[in-house]
Amino acid sequence: IRLAIGDHPVPGGRSLEASTELGRLTEAIRPGDQAWVLLSGGTTSLIASPVDGIPAGDLQELYRLLLGSGLDIVSSNLVRKRVARWGAGRLGLAFDRAGAHARVYVLSDVLGDDLSAIGSGPCVADPSTASDVRGLLENHGRWSEIPASVRGLIERAAEGREEDTPKPPHHALAAIPHFVIGNNAVAQTAAEAHAVKHGFTCETLPEPVTGEAAAAGRRFVAELERLSGRPERSLCVVAGGETTVTLARTRGIAKDGGGRGGRCQEFVLAAAAALAERPGAHRWTILAAGTDGRDGPTDAAGGVVDSRTWARAEQAGRDPGHDLRRHAAYEALSAAGALFKPGPTGTNVLDLILAVRRLAPNTDRAELS
């Protein structure tokens, strides 16, 4: 068994080597061989190398820009699959040329389990057109910011001067079966079962948590305040999804230099502010974390906050409001002792958000442990 460890969330030298190793593997396949793909979120970066005509540095710059663009994973991968060697069904076509019988087992990090978006769809035809991609980037004011080599590739494909990505119904790609063996719904169900086992009544929010992380954190606290009148002494609210963070448009970096953080950390820091401001929400403790154990380019998966977290950060010498505005949630949460660091989990099925309220007997005070 050969192991190649790529880079994430921005591809580097290890990703290039992983992509090359994958190419060697496809070349060694013989007609009739079985090719089983175990696909998870993160694949877009972990095996990223550029298609012909795109310098490796431009590939990295594109990935960095998209990470801070505020685009969700589906939209980001619409762009990235066009310049990634194995995206948009190209791995599946390599299997087909070799005469292999391929099948794909998927851990989904995409809401709705869109197979063309998960890992940039290495074995799935691309339903989007180059014109769609250009329109997406123009509508978000990012078209002029992406590297010139990438713009040129998209323009040539849109004008028919260069072959576009494989489109459905592509007979070879349509013949490759995909099996979703894990997703955010599975993680939520497991969280609910664990909470019930420990004596909680569970309430699962029906809609996924999406949008800008800070705004989503405040909305979540407003939802908790609505549930504060529930009579159960021990209540657990379960939600899932994936938010985004839009950085200032200076090469994808906040204008004042920015700071460390991630979408889950930004979510809970904004939630901490809302908990401190809302008297009816003071009983709650909130966890938001990436199921892979990593949130942004940090060693934390997210954070755990309550109504006292904001004050603890201030008492430790931080200005959490300023930290939130410059996307430096890691620093504020670290000062408050509120970071969540489980380490790598070996999976990636979006984010989990949990809120618990356990009241001490005969009081309205929350028991926080």
Protein backbone atom coordinates (compact mmCIF):
# COMPACT_ATOMS: atom_id res chain seq x y z
CA ILE A 1 0.00 0.00 0.00
CA ARG A 2 1.47 3.33 -1.06
CA LEU A 3 0.59 6.44 0.92
CA ALA A 4 0.77 9.99 -0.42
CA ILE A 5 -0.21 12.77 1.98
CA GLY A 6 -1.43 15.94 0.28
CA ASP A 7 -1.84 19.53 1.49
CA HIS A 8 -5.07 21.17 2.68
CA PRO A 9 -6.77 23.60 2.28
CA VAL A 10 -4.23 25.07 -0.18
CA PRO A 11 -2.37 22.56 -2.39
CA GLY A 12 1.41 22.49 -2.16
CA GLY A 13 4.27 20.23 -3.12
CA ARG A 14 2.77 17.23 -1.33
CA SER A 15 -0.49 17.59 -3.26
CA LEU A 16 1.44 17.73 -6.52
CA GLU A 17 3.24 14.51 -5.59
CA ALA A 18 -0.02 12.85 -4.56
CA SER A 19 -1.52 13.79 -7.92
CA THR A 20 1.51 12.35 -9.71
CA GLU A 21 1.28 9.14 -7.67
CA LEU A 22 -2.38 8.81 -8.62
CA GLY A 23 -1.36 9.17 -12.25
CA ARG A 24 1.16 6.35 -11.87
CA LEU A 25 -1.56 4.19 -10.38
CA THR A 26 -3.98 4.75 -13.28
CA GLU A 27 -1.19 3.87 -15.73
CA ALA A 28 -0.61 0.55 -13.95
CA ILE A 29 -4.25 -0.53 -14.25
CA ARG A 30 -5.02 -3.37 -16.63
CA PRO A 31 -8.29 -4.12 -18.45
CA GLY A 32 -10.78 -5.79 -16.14
CA ASP A 33 -9.17 -4.51 -12.93
CA GLN A 34 -11.36 -3.21 -10.12
CA ALA A 35 -10.76 0.43 -9.10
CA TRP A 36 -12.39 1.39 -5.80
CA VAL A 37 -12.27 5.07 -4.93
CA LEU A 38 -12.72 6.13 -1.30
CA LEU A 39 -13.67 9.78 -1.70
CA SER A 40 -14.06 12.44 0.97
CA GLY A 41 -14.17 16.18 1.34
CA GLY A 42 -10.76 17.79 1.01
CA THR A 43 -9.91 15.75 -2.07
CA THR A 44 -9.97 18.86 -4.27
CA SER A 45 -6.84 20.12 -2.50
CA LEU A 46 -5.23 16.87 -1.34
CA ILE A 47 -4.66 15.55 -4.88
CA ALA A 48 -4.51 18.91 -6.66
CA SER A 49 -2.19 19.57 -9.55
CA PRO A 50 -2.99 21.90 -12.44
CA VAL A 51 -4.25 20.98 -15.88
CA ASP A 52 -2.00 21.85 -18.80
CA GLY A 53 -1.44 25.56 -19.21
CA ILE A 54 -1.97 26.53 -15.56
CA PRO A 55 1.18 27.15 -13.49
CA ALA A 56 1.23 25.51 -10.05
CA GLY A 57 1.56 28.93 -8.42
CA ASP A 58 -1.62 30.13 -10.13
CA LEU A 59 -3.45 27.03 -8.90
CA GLN A 60 -2.42 27.85 -5.33
CA GLU A 61 -3.40 31.50 -5.72
CA LEU A 62 -6.83 30.52 -7.03
CA TYR A 63 -7.43 28.21 -4.07
CA ARG A 64 -6.38 30.92 -1.59
CA LEU A 65 -8.70 33.45 -3.22
CA LEU A 66 -11.67 31.11 -3.18
CA LEU A 67 -11.12 30.23 0.50
CA GLY A 68 -11.69 33.86 1.47
CA SER A 69 -14.29 34.67 -1.18
CA GLY A 70 -17.42 33.77 0.79
CA LEU A 71 -18.42 31.22 -1.87
CA ASP A 72 -19.78 27.93 -0.54
CA ILE A 73 -18.11 24.60 -1.31
CA VAL A 74 -20.33 23.84 -4.33
CA SER A 75 -19.58 27.18 -5.98
CA SER A 76 -15.87 27.02 -5.12
CA ASN A 77 -15.56 23.56 -6.63
CA LEU A 78 -17.31 24.68 -9.82
CA VAL A 79 -14.23 26.83 -10.36
CA ARG A 80 -11.54 24.56 -8.93
CA LYS A 81 -12.57 21.42 -10.86
CA ARG A 82 -11.77 23.22 -14.13
CA VAL A 83 -8.11 23.65 -13.28
CA ALA A 84 -7.51 20.51 -11.18
CA ARG A 85 -6.03 17.54 -13.05
CA TRP A 86 -8.42 14.95 -11.59
CA GLY A 87 -11.56 17.07 -11.19
CA ALA A 88 -14.72 17.08 -13.31
CA GLY A 89 -14.68 13.36 -14.09
CA ARG A 90 -11.10 13.17 -15.35
CA LEU A 91 -10.13 10.40 -12.93
CA GLY A 92 -13.12 8.35 -14.08
CA LEU A 93 -12.08 8.83 -17.70
CA ALA A 94 -8.58 7.57 -16.86
CA PHE A 95 -10.13 4.42 -15.36
CA ASP A 96 -12.29 4.00 -18.46
CA ARG A 97 -9.33 4.33 -20.84
CA ALA A 98 -7.52 1.65 -18.82
CA GLY A 99 -10.54 -0.67 -19.01
CA ALA A 100 -11.09 -0.72 -15.24
CA HIS A 101 -14.39 -1.33 -13.46
CA ALA A 102 -14.61 1.61 -11.05
CA ARG A 103 -16.89 2.31 -8.10
CA VAL A 104 -16.82 5.21 -5.64
CA TYR A 105 -17.60 5.20 -1.90
CA VAL A 106 -18.27 8.71 -0.64
CA LEU A 107 -18.05 10.56 2.66
CA SER A 108 -19.98 13.70 1.75
CA ASP A 109 -18.95 17.18 2.87
CA VAL A 110 -21.56 18.82 0.64
CA LEU A 111 -25.13 19.65 1.64
CA GLY A 112 -27.49 17.55 -0.46
CA ASP A 113 -24.65 15.14 -1.36
CA ASP A 114 -24.11 16.62 -4.84
CA LEU A 115 -21.72 14.05 -6.35
CA SER A 116 -20.41 16.51 -8.93
CA ALA A 117 -19.25 18.81 -6.11
CA ILE A 118 -17.80 16.38 -3.53
CA GLY A 119 -14.04 16.39 -4.03
CA SER A 120 -14.72 18.25 -7.31
CA GLY A 121 -16.35 15.14 -8.77
CA PRO A 122 -13.31 13.15 -9.93
CA CYS A 123 -15.56 10.42 -11.42
CA VAL A 124 -18.64 12.53 -12.27
CA ALA A 125 -19.44 14.56 -15.38
CA ASP A 126 -19.54 18.33 -14.86
CA PRO A 127 -23.04 19.82 -15.37
CA SER A 128 -21.74 23.41 -15.37
CA THR A 129 -20.35 25.29 -18.37
CA ALA A 130 -17.40 27.62 -18.62
CA SER A 131 -19.87 30.46 -19.12
CA ASP A 132 -21.59 29.48 -15.87
CA VAL A 133 -18.28 29.68 -14.03
CA ARG A 134 -17.40 33.07 -15.49
CA GLY A 135 -20.86 34.40 -14.58
CA LEU A 136 -20.49 33.10 -11.03
CA LEU A 137 -17.15 34.83 -10.54
CA GLU A 138 -18.36 38.06 -12.13
CA ASN A 139 -21.50 38.14 -9.97
CA HIS A 140 -19.33 37.85 -6.84
CA GLY A 141 -16.85 40.47 -8.06
CA ARG A 142 -13.99 37.95 -8.24
CA TRP A 143 -13.45 37.51 -11.98
CA SER A 144 -10.72 40.14 -12.29
CA GLU A 145 -8.94 38.81 -9.19
CA ILE A 146 -8.30 35.25 -10.35
CA PRO A 147 -4.99 34.50 -12.10
CA ALA A 148 -4.83 35.44 -15.78
CA SER A 149 -4.03 31.88 -16.82
CA VAL A 150 -7.26 30.65 -15.22
CA ARG A 151 -9.31 33.43 -16.82
CA GLY A 152 -7.83 32.53 -20.18
CA LEU A 153 -8.70 28.85 -19.81
CA ILE A 154 -12.31 29.65 -18.86
CA GLU A 155 -12.67 32.19 -21.69
CA ARG A 156 -11.35 29.77 -24.33
CA ALA A 157 -13.74 27.05 -23.17
CA ALA A 158 -16.68 29.48 -23.07
CA GLU A 159 -15.94 30.57 -26.65
CA GLY A 160 -15.52 27.01 -27.90
CA ARG A 161 -11.82 27.44 -28.64
CA GLU A 162 -10.91 24.79 -26.08
CA GLU A 163 -12.69 21.60 -25.06
CA ASP A 164 -14.92 22.04 -22.02
CA THR A 165 -15.09 19.58 -19.12
CA PRO A 166 -16.93 16.25 -19.67
CA LYS A 167 -20.70 16.77 -19.64
CA PRO A 168 -23.60 14.53 -18.65
CA PRO A 169 -24.79 12.18 -19.91
CA HIS A 170 -21.25 10.91 -20.48
CA HIS A 171 -21.60 7.17 -21.01
CA ALA A 172 -18.32 6.19 -19.32
CA LEU A 173 -18.87 8.36 -16.24
CA ALA A 174 -22.56 7.50 -15.95
CA ALA A 175 -21.54 3.84 -15.65
CA ILE A 176 -19.48 4.44 -12.49
CA PRO A 177 -21.65 3.74 -9.41
CA HIS A 178 -21.36 6.02 -6.36
CA PHE A 179 -22.38 5.06 -2.81
CA VAL A 180 -22.74 7.74 -0.12
CA ILE A 181 -21.69 5.94 3.07
CA GLY A 182 -21.53 8.95 5.39
CA ASN A 183 -22.80 12.52 5.48
CA ASN A 184 -23.87 15.29 7.83
CA ALA A 185 -27.23 13.64 8.50
CA VAL A 186 -25.45 10.55 9.82
CA ALA A 187 -23.33 12.73 12.13
CA GLN A 188 -26.39 14.57 13.42
CA THR A 189 -28.20 11.31 14.10
CA ALA A 190 -25.21 10.02 16.05
CA ALA A 191 -25.06 13.24 18.08
CA GLU A 192 -28.77 12.97 18.88
CA ALA A 193 -28.38 9.35 20.04
CA HIS A 194 -25.45 10.29 22.29
CA ALA A 195 -27.38 13.21 23.81
CA VAL A 196 -30.43 11.04 24.51
CA LYS A 197 -28.20 8.42 26.12
CA HIS A 198 -27.01 11.09 28.54
CA GLY A 199 -30.50 12.22 29.50
CA PHE A 200 -31.16 15.07 27.09
CA THR A 201 -34.29 15.78 25.12
CA CYS A 202 -33.22 16.57 21.55
CA GLU A 203 -34.44 19.19 19.11
CA THR A 204 -32.94 18.99 15.61
CA LEU A 205 -33.12 22.10 13.47
CA PRO A 206 -34.60 21.18 10.07
CA GLU A 207 -32.63 23.68 7.99
CA PRO A 208 -28.84 23.50 7.52
CA VAL A 209 -26.74 26.29 8.99
CA THR A 210 -25.24 28.25 6.11
CA GLY A 211 -24.24 31.79 5.12
CA GLU A 212 -21.72 34.13 6.68
CA ALA A 213 -20.38 32.56 9.86
CA ALA A 214 -20.80 35.53 12.19
CA ALA A 215 -24.36 36.26 11.06
CA ALA A 216 -25.23 32.57 11.31
CA GLY A 217 -23.92 32.47 14.89
CA ARG A 218 -26.21 35.31 15.90
CA ARG A 219 -29.19 33.73 14.16
CA PHE A 220 -28.55 30.47 15.97
CA VAL A 221 -28.68 32.21 19.36
CA ALA A 222 -31.94 33.87 18.38
CA GLU A 223 -33.32 30.40 17.65
CA LEU A 224 -32.13 29.19 21.06
CA GLU A 225 -33.88 32.09 22.74
CA ARG A 226 -37.09 30.95 21.05
CA LEU A 227 -36.55 27.48 22.53
CA SER A 228 -35.69 28.77 26.01
CA GLY A 229 -39.28 28.37 27.14
CA ARG A 230 -39.21 24.63 26.59
CA PRO A 231 -39.99 22.85 29.88
CA GLU A 232 -37.33 20.12 29.67
CA ARG A 233 -34.57 20.50 32.26
CA SER A 234 -31.98 19.01 29.92
CA LEU A 235 -32.32 20.07 26.30
CA CYS A 236 -29.92 19.56 23.39
CA VAL A 237 -30.30 21.35 20.06
CA VAL A 238 -28.56 19.70 17.11
CA ALA A 239 -27.78 21.38 13.81
CA GLY A 240 -25.39 20.89 10.93
CA GLY A 241 -24.15 22.57 7.79
CA GLU A 242 -21.27 24.75 6.74
CA THR A 243 -20.92 28.50 6.88
CA THR A 244 -18.54 30.77 4.97
CA VAL A 245 -16.22 33.65 5.82
CA THR A 246 -15.67 36.50 3.38
CA LEU A 247 -12.30 38.19 3.83
CA ALA A 248 -11.45 41.71 2.65
CA ARG A 249 -10.64 41.78 -1.04
CA THR A 250 -6.92 42.33 -0.76
CA ARG A 251 -5.57 39.06 -2.15
CA GLY A 252 -7.98 37.24 0.09
CA ILE A 253 -6.51 38.68 3.31
CA ALA A 254 -8.10 41.08 5.78
CA LYS A 255 -6.85 44.62 5.24
CA ASP A 256 -5.30 44.99 8.68
CA GLY A 257 -3.39 41.72 8.39
CA GLY A 258 -6.19 39.51 9.66
CA GLY A 259 -5.62 36.78 12.18
CA ARG A 260 -6.13 33.11 12.81
CA GLY A 261 -9.55 31.58 12.74
CA GLY A 262 -12.07 29.49 10.84
CA ARG A 263 -15.76 29.43 10.10
CA CYS A 264 -16.72 27.48 13.26
CA GLN A 265 -14.59 29.70 15.48
CA GLU A 266 -16.11 32.81 13.95
CA PHE A 267 -19.58 31.31 14.38
CA VAL A 268 -19.17 30.61 18.09
CA LEU A 269 -17.45 33.93 18.84
CA ALA A 270 -20.39 35.78 17.30
CA ALA A 271 -22.71 33.46 19.22
CA ALA A 272 -20.85 34.32 22.44
CA ALA A 273 -21.54 37.99 21.83
CA ALA A 274 -25.23 37.28 21.28
CA LEU A 275 -25.43 35.08 24.40
CA ALA A 276 -23.94 37.89 26.48
CA GLU A 277 -26.47 40.37 25.07
CA ARG A 278 -29.64 38.25 25.34
CA PRO A 279 -30.94 37.60 28.87
CA GLY A 280 -33.15 34.76 27.67
CA ALA A 281 -30.24 32.88 26.13
CA HIS A 282 -27.81 32.89 29.06
CA ARG A 283 -28.52 29.26 29.99
CA TRP A 284 -27.03 27.78 26.83
CA THR A 285 -23.61 26.35 25.99
CA ILE A 286 -22.78 26.10 22.28
CA LEU A 287 -20.28 23.95 20.38
CA ALA A 288 -19.53 24.42 16.68
CA ALA A 289 -16.85 22.23 15.13
CA GLY A 290 -15.62 20.79 11.88
CA THR A 291 -16.16 17.03 11.85
CA ASP A 292 -12.64 16.55 10.49
CA GLY A 293 -11.15 18.06 13.65
CA ARG A 294 -9.81 21.12 11.89
CA ASP A 295 -11.34 24.56 11.35
CA GLY A 296 -9.53 26.77 8.87
CA PRO A 297 -5.72 26.81 8.94
CA THR A 298 -5.59 26.23 12.72
CA ASP A 299 -5.13 23.36 15.18
CA ALA A 300 -8.69 23.80 16.51
CA ALA A 301 -11.89 22.20 15.22
CA GLY A 302 -14.00 25.07 16.55
CA GLY A 303 -15.02 26.35 19.95
CA VAL A 304 -17.32 25.98 22.97
CA VAL A 305 -18.92 29.15 24.36
CA ASP A 306 -21.50 30.34 26.86
CA SER A 307 -22.77 33.70 28.06
CA ARG A 308 -19.54 34.34 29.99
CA THR A 309 -17.06 33.66 27.17
CA TRP A 310 -17.08 37.20 25.79
CA ALA A 311 -16.29 38.68 29.21
CA ARG A 312 -13.55 36.10 29.82
CA ALA A 313 -11.86 37.14 26.56
CA GLU A 314 -12.02 40.79 27.62
CA GLN A 315 -10.66 39.97 31.07
CA ALA A 316 -7.74 38.20 29.38
CA GLY A 317 -6.86 41.40 27.53
CA ARG A 318 -8.52 40.75 24.19
CA ASP A 319 -10.97 42.96 22.31
CA PRO A 320 -13.26 40.19 21.02
CA GLY A 321 -15.29 42.61 18.93
CA HIS A 322 -12.17 43.70 17.07
CA ASP A 323 -11.01 40.10 16.79
CA LEU A 324 -14.35 39.14 15.25
CA ARG A 325 -14.22 41.95 12.70
CA ARG A 326 -10.71 41.02 11.55
CA HIS A 327 -11.43 37.27 11.45
CA ALA A 328 -9.15 36.54 14.41
CA ALA A 329 -11.57 34.39 16.40
CA TYR A 330 -8.82 31.95 17.37
CA GLU A 331 -7.04 34.56 19.48
CA ALA A 332 -10.20 35.62 21.35
CA LEU A 333 -11.36 32.07 21.99
CA SER A 334 -7.90 30.98 23.06
CA ALA A 335 -7.74 33.81 25.60
CA ALA A 336 -11.14 32.73 26.95
CA GLY A 337 -10.15 29.05 27.13
CA ALA A 338 -12.91 28.24 24.64
CA LEU A 339 -11.12 26.49 21.77
CA PHE A 340 -12.09 22.91 20.94
CA LYS A 341 -9.12 20.75 19.89
CA PRO A 342 -10.03 17.08 19.44
CA GLY A 343 -7.33 16.47 16.83
CA PRO A 344 -7.90 14.84 13.43
CA THR A 345 -10.98 12.62 13.39
CA GLY A 346 -10.38 10.78 10.12
CA THR A 347 -13.66 11.94 8.56
CA ASN A 348 -15.16 15.04 6.99
CA VAL A 349 -18.95 15.44 6.85
CA LEU A 350 -19.37 19.20 7.22
CA ASP A 351 -19.82 20.87 10.62
CA LEU A 352 -21.80 19.96 13.73
CA ILE A 353 -23.40 22.57 15.96
CA LEU A 354 -24.70 21.56 19.37
CA ALA A 355 -26.33 23.65 22.08
CA VAL A 356 -27.10 22.24 25.53
CA ARG A 357 -29.13 23.55 28.41
CA ARG A 358 -29.02 21.57 31.64
CA LEU A 359 -30.69 23.38 34.49
CA ALA A 360 -29.73 22.74 38.09
CA PRO A 361 -32.69 21.40 40.12
CA ASN A 362 -35.12 24.06 41.38
CA THR A 363 -33.26 26.92 39.69
CA ASP A 364 -33.06 28.59 36.31
CA ARG A 365 -29.26 28.47 36.40
CA ALA A 366 -27.43 26.48 33.77
CA GLU A 367 -25.06 23.75 34.94
CA LEU A 368 -21.97 24.26 32.78
CA SER A 369 -19.20 21.70 32.83
